[in-house]
Amino acid sequence: MSGWLYLAVAIAATVVAQLFFKQSHRVGQRSYALVAIILFCSAVPCTLLATRHLGIGQVYVATALSYVLTPLGAVWFFQERLRAPHWAALGLIVAGIIVYSV
C-alpha cells in the first residue's frame, strides 16, 4: 500500500472513531465505544506506516484534516449546527494545511 492510502485510512479511522464515541455518549451503548477504541487502535499503525513513506511533516499536517472532517461528520450524521466561528476555524485549518503543503 502507498503512504497516501495508509494516511487516508488513518484519518478516516480517526474521524469515524470520534463519531462512534459521540454516538456512544448519545445513546449510552458501550458497543459504540468499543468500535471507536478498535478504530483508534487501527489508526496508529496506519499512521506509522504513512510516516515511513511520506515523512513526519506531511503526515502531521495532513492529520489536521481530522479536525475538519469530524465536525462535518457531526453535521451530516447528527444534524448538528456549526456557527460562523466554527466555520471560520475550519477554514483556517484548511488554509494552514494548504499553505504548509505548497
N, C-alpha and C. Protein backbone atom coordinates (compact mmCIF):
# COMPACT_ATOMS: atom_id res chain seq x y z
N MET A 1 0.84 -1.19 0.00
CA MET A 1 0.00 0.00 0.00
C MET A 1 0.88 1.24 0.00
N SER A 2 0.39 2.28 -0.62
CA SER A 2 1.15 3.52 -0.65
C SER A 2 0.96 4.30 0.65
N GLY A 3 1.88 5.21 0.88
CA GLY A 3 1.81 6.04 2.07
C GLY A 3 0.53 6.86 2.13
N TRP A 4 0.07 7.32 0.97
CA TRP A 4 -1.15 8.13 0.94
C TRP A 4 -2.37 7.31 1.34
N LEU A 5 -2.38 6.05 0.95
CA LEU A 5 -3.50 5.20 1.33
C LEU A 5 -3.49 4.92 2.83
N TYR A 6 -2.31 4.65 3.38
CA TYR A 6 -2.20 4.47 4.83
C TYR A 6 -2.68 5.73 5.56
N LEU A 7 -2.28 6.88 5.04
CA LEU A 7 -2.69 8.15 5.66
C LEU A 7 -4.20 8.33 5.59
N ALA A 8 -4.79 8.03 4.44
CA ALA A 8 -6.24 8.17 4.29
C ALA A 8 -6.98 7.24 5.25
N VAL A 9 -6.49 6.02 5.40
CA VAL A 9 -7.13 5.07 6.32
C VAL A 9 -6.99 5.56 7.76
N ALA A 10 -5.83 6.09 8.11
CA ALA A 10 -5.62 6.59 9.47
C ALA A 10 -6.55 7.76 9.78
N ILE A 11 -6.68 8.68 8.84
CA ILE A 11 -7.55 9.84 9.05
C ILE A 11 -9.01 9.39 9.11
N ALA A 12 -9.42 8.51 8.20
CA ALA A 12 -10.80 8.03 8.20
C ALA A 12 -11.12 7.28 9.49
N ALA A 13 -10.19 6.43 9.94
CA ALA A 13 -10.42 5.68 11.17
C ALA A 13 -10.56 6.62 12.36
N THR A 14 -9.76 7.67 12.39
CA THR A 14 -9.82 8.63 13.49
C THR A 14 -11.15 9.38 13.49
N VAL A 15 -11.58 9.83 12.33
CA VAL A 15 -12.83 10.58 12.23
C VAL A 15 -14.02 9.69 12.59
N VAL A 16 -14.07 8.50 12.04
CA VAL A 16 -15.18 7.59 12.32
C VAL A 16 -15.18 7.20 13.80
N ALA A 17 -13.99 7.00 14.37
CA ALA A 17 -13.91 6.67 15.80
C ALA A 17 -14.48 7.80 16.65
N GLN A 18 -14.17 9.04 16.31
CA GLN A 18 -14.71 10.17 17.05
C GLN A 18 -16.24 10.18 16.97
N LEU A 19 -16.76 9.91 15.79
CA LEU A 19 -18.22 9.90 15.63
C LEU A 19 -18.86 8.74 16.39
N PHE A 20 -18.19 7.59 16.44
CA PHE A 20 -18.71 6.48 17.22
C PHE A 20 -18.70 6.80 18.71
N PHE A 21 -17.65 7.49 19.19
CA PHE A 21 -17.64 7.89 20.60
C PHE A 21 -18.80 8.83 20.89
N LYS A 22 -19.06 9.74 19.99
CA LYS A 22 -20.18 10.66 20.19
C LYS A 22 -21.49 9.89 20.24
N GLN A 23 -21.66 8.95 19.32
CA GLN A 23 -22.88 8.15 19.31
C GLN A 23 -22.99 7.33 20.59
N SER A 24 -21.89 6.81 21.08
CA SER A 24 -21.89 6.06 22.34
C SER A 24 -22.39 6.92 23.49
N HIS A 25 -21.94 8.15 23.51
CA HIS A 25 -22.38 9.07 24.56
C HIS A 25 -23.86 9.42 24.40
N ARG A 26 -24.29 9.59 23.16
CA ARG A 26 -25.68 9.98 22.89
C ARG A 26 -26.67 8.89 23.28
N VAL A 27 -26.36 7.63 22.98
CA VAL A 27 -27.32 6.56 23.21
C VAL A 27 -26.97 5.70 24.41
N GLY A 28 -25.78 5.87 24.95
CA GLY A 28 -25.39 5.14 26.15
C GLY A 28 -25.08 3.67 25.92
N GLN A 29 -24.67 3.30 24.72
CA GLN A 29 -24.31 1.92 24.43
C GLN A 29 -22.80 1.77 24.35
N ARG A 30 -22.28 0.83 25.10
CA ARG A 30 -20.83 0.61 25.13
C ARG A 30 -20.30 0.01 23.83
N SER A 31 -21.17 -0.62 23.07
CA SER A 31 -20.71 -1.24 21.82
C SER A 31 -20.15 -0.18 20.86
N TYR A 32 -20.74 1.00 20.84
CA TYR A 32 -20.21 2.08 20.01
C TYR A 32 -18.83 2.50 20.50
N ALA A 33 -18.67 2.56 21.80
CA ALA A 33 -17.37 2.93 22.36
C ALA A 33 -16.32 1.87 22.02
N LEU A 34 -16.70 0.62 22.05
CA LEU A 34 -15.78 -0.45 21.71
C LEU A 34 -15.32 -0.34 20.27
N VAL A 35 -16.24 -0.07 19.37
CA VAL A 35 -15.88 0.12 17.96
C VAL A 35 -14.93 1.31 17.82
N ALA A 36 -15.21 2.38 18.54
CA ALA A 36 -14.35 3.56 18.49
C ALA A 36 -12.94 3.23 18.95
N ILE A 37 -12.81 2.47 20.02
CA ILE A 37 -11.49 2.10 20.52
C ILE A 37 -10.75 1.25 19.50
N ILE A 38 -11.44 0.32 18.88
CA ILE A 38 -10.82 -0.52 17.86
C ILE A 38 -10.34 0.34 16.68
N LEU A 39 -11.17 1.29 16.27
CA LEU A 39 -10.78 2.17 15.17
C LEU A 39 -9.57 3.04 15.54
N PHE A 40 -9.58 3.57 16.75
CA PHE A 40 -8.42 4.36 17.20
C PHE A 40 -7.16 3.52 17.20
N CYS A 41 -7.27 2.30 17.67
CA CYS A 41 -6.11 1.40 17.70
C CYS A 41 -5.64 1.05 16.29
N SER A 42 -6.54 0.94 15.35
CA SER A 42 -6.13 0.64 13.98
C SER A 42 -5.51 1.85 13.29
N ALA A 43 -5.83 3.04 13.75
CA ALA A 43 -5.27 4.24 13.15
C ALA A 43 -3.77 4.39 13.45
N VAL A 44 -3.35 3.88 14.59
CA VAL A 44 -1.95 4.05 15.00
C VAL A 44 -0.98 3.39 14.03
N PRO A 45 -1.12 2.09 13.72
CA PRO A 45 -0.17 1.50 12.77
C PRO A 45 -0.25 2.11 11.38
N CYS A 46 -1.44 2.52 10.97
CA CYS A 46 -1.58 3.17 9.66
C CYS A 46 -0.82 4.50 9.64
N THR A 47 -0.90 5.23 10.74
CA THR A 47 -0.16 6.49 10.83
C THR A 47 1.34 6.24 10.78
N LEU A 48 1.80 5.23 11.48
CA LEU A 48 3.23 4.91 11.47
C LEU A 48 3.69 4.50 10.08
N LEU A 49 2.91 3.69 9.40
CA LEU A 49 3.28 3.28 8.04
C LEU A 49 3.25 4.46 7.08
N ALA A 50 2.29 5.33 7.23
CA ALA A 50 2.24 6.53 6.40
C ALA A 50 3.47 7.41 6.64
N THR A 51 3.88 7.50 7.89
CA THR A 51 5.06 8.31 8.23
C THR A 51 6.32 7.74 7.59
N ARG A 52 6.43 6.43 7.55
CA ARG A 52 7.59 5.81 6.89
C ARG A 52 7.67 6.18 5.42
N HIS A 53 6.53 6.25 4.75
CA HIS A 53 6.51 6.52 3.31
C HIS A 53 6.54 8.02 2.99
N LEU A 54 5.89 8.82 3.81
CA LEU A 54 5.69 10.23 3.46
C LEU A 54 6.51 11.21 4.30
N GLY A 55 6.94 10.78 5.46
CA GLY A 55 7.66 11.68 6.35
C GLY A 55 6.72 12.29 7.38
N ILE A 56 7.30 12.64 8.50
CA ILE A 56 6.50 13.14 9.63
C ILE A 56 5.84 14.47 9.31
N GLY A 57 6.49 15.32 8.55
CA GLY A 57 5.93 16.63 8.24
C GLY A 57 4.61 16.54 7.49
N GLN A 58 4.59 15.76 6.43
CA GLN A 58 3.37 15.64 5.64
C GLN A 58 2.26 14.95 6.42
N VAL A 59 2.62 13.91 7.13
CA VAL A 59 1.60 13.16 7.88
C VAL A 59 1.02 14.02 8.99
N TYR A 60 1.87 14.71 9.72
CA TYR A 60 1.40 15.53 10.84
C TYR A 60 0.44 16.61 10.36
N VAL A 61 0.77 17.27 9.28
CA VAL A 61 -0.09 18.33 8.76
C VAL A 61 -1.38 17.74 8.20
N ALA A 62 -1.28 16.63 7.48
CA ALA A 62 -2.47 16.04 6.88
C ALA A 62 -3.45 15.52 7.93
N THR A 63 -2.95 15.07 9.06
CA THR A 63 -3.87 14.58 10.09
C THR A 63 -4.72 15.70 10.68
N ALA A 64 -4.35 16.94 10.42
CA ALA A 64 -5.19 18.06 10.84
C ALA A 64 -6.54 18.01 10.14
N LEU A 65 -6.62 17.30 9.03
CA LEU A 65 -7.91 17.14 8.35
C LEU A 65 -8.95 16.48 9.24
N SER A 66 -8.50 15.68 10.18
CA SER A 66 -9.47 15.04 11.08
C SER A 66 -10.22 16.08 11.91
N TYR A 67 -9.58 17.23 12.19
CA TYR A 67 -10.24 18.29 12.94
C TYR A 67 -11.26 19.03 12.08
N VAL A 68 -11.18 18.86 10.78
CA VAL A 68 -12.17 19.43 9.87
C VAL A 68 -13.27 18.41 9.57
N LEU A 69 -12.87 17.19 9.32
CA LEU A 69 -13.83 16.17 8.90
C LEU A 69 -14.74 15.71 10.04
N THR A 70 -14.25 15.72 11.27
CA THR A 70 -15.07 15.27 12.40
C THR A 70 -16.28 16.19 12.62
N PRO A 71 -16.12 17.50 12.69
CA PRO A 71 -17.32 18.35 12.83
C PRO A 71 -18.25 18.26 11.62
N LEU A 72 -17.66 18.10 10.43
CA LEU A 72 -18.52 17.96 9.25
C LEU A 72 -19.31 16.65 9.32
N GLY A 73 -18.69 15.61 9.83
CA GLY A 73 -19.40 14.35 10.04
C GLY A 73 -20.51 14.50 11.06
N ALA A 74 -20.27 15.29 12.10
CA ALA A 74 -21.31 15.53 13.11
C ALA A 74 -22.48 16.30 12.52
N VAL A 75 -22.19 17.20 11.61
CA VAL A 75 -23.27 17.91 10.92
C VAL A 75 -24.07 16.93 10.09
N TRP A 76 -23.39 16.06 9.38
CA TRP A 76 -24.05 15.11 8.48
C TRP A 76 -24.85 14.05 9.24
N PHE A 77 -24.21 13.42 10.23
CA PHE A 77 -24.85 12.28 10.90
C PHE A 77 -25.74 12.66 12.08
N PHE A 78 -25.40 13.74 12.77
CA PHE A 78 -26.15 14.10 13.97
C PHE A 78 -26.94 15.39 13.82
N GLN A 79 -26.96 15.95 12.63
CA GLN A 79 -27.67 17.20 12.34
C GLN A 79 -27.26 18.34 13.28
N GLU A 80 -25.99 18.35 13.65
CA GLU A 80 -25.51 19.46 14.47
C GLU A 80 -25.37 20.70 13.61
N ARG A 81 -25.40 21.83 14.26
CA ARG A 81 -25.27 23.09 13.54
C ARG A 81 -23.95 23.74 13.93
N LEU A 82 -23.22 24.18 12.94
CA LEU A 82 -21.98 24.91 13.18
C LEU A 82 -22.27 26.39 12.98
N ARG A 83 -21.79 27.18 13.90
CA ARG A 83 -21.97 28.63 13.79
C ARG A 83 -20.79 29.24 13.04
N ALA A 84 -20.88 30.51 12.78
CA ALA A 84 -19.86 31.21 11.99
C ALA A 84 -18.44 31.04 12.56
N PRO A 85 -18.24 31.12 13.89
CA PRO A 85 -16.88 30.92 14.40
C PRO A 85 -16.33 29.52 14.11
N HIS A 86 -17.21 28.52 14.13
CA HIS A 86 -16.77 27.16 13.80
C HIS A 86 -16.32 27.08 12.34
N TRP A 87 -17.12 27.65 11.45
CA TRP A 87 -16.77 27.62 10.03
C TRP A 87 -15.47 28.38 9.79
N ALA A 88 -15.29 29.49 10.49
CA ALA A 88 -14.05 30.26 10.34
C ALA A 88 -12.85 29.43 10.81
N ALA A 89 -13.01 28.74 11.93
CA ALA A 89 -11.92 27.90 12.43
C ALA A 89 -11.60 26.77 11.46
N LEU A 90 -12.63 26.13 10.92
CA LEU A 90 -12.40 25.07 9.94
C LEU A 90 -11.69 25.62 8.70
N GLY A 91 -12.08 26.80 8.28
CA GLY A 91 -11.41 27.44 7.14
C GLY A 91 -9.95 27.74 7.42
N LEU A 92 -9.65 28.17 8.64
CA LEU A 92 -8.25 28.44 8.99
C LEU A 92 -7.42 27.17 9.02
N ILE A 93 -8.01 26.09 9.48
CA ILE A 93 -7.29 24.81 9.48
C ILE A 93 -6.98 24.38 8.05
N VAL A 94 -7.99 24.46 7.19
CA VAL A 94 -7.78 24.09 5.79
C VAL A 94 -6.74 25.01 5.15
N ALA A 95 -6.82 26.30 5.42
CA ALA A 95 -5.84 27.24 4.87
C ALA A 95 -4.42 26.89 5.35
N GLY A 96 -4.30 26.53 6.61
CA GLY A 96 -2.99 26.15 7.14
C GLY A 96 -2.44 24.91 6.46
N ILE A 97 -3.31 23.95 6.21
CA ILE A 97 -2.88 22.73 5.51
C ILE A 97 -2.42 23.07 4.10
N ILE A 98 -3.16 23.92 3.42
CA ILE A 98 -2.81 24.32 2.06
C ILE A 98 -1.48 25.08 2.05
N VAL A 99 -1.33 26.04 2.94
CA VAL A 99 -0.09 26.84 2.99
C VAL A 99 1.11 25.96 3.26
N TYR A 100 0.97 25.03 4.19
CA TYR A 100 2.09 24.17 4.52
C TYR A 100 2.41 23.21 3.37
N SER A 101 1.40 22.79 2.65
CA SER A 101 1.59 21.79 1.59
C SER A 101 2.15 22.36 0.30
N VAL A 102 2.04 23.65 0.12
CA VAL A 102 2.50 24.27 -1.15
C VAL A 102 3.98 24.50 -1.16
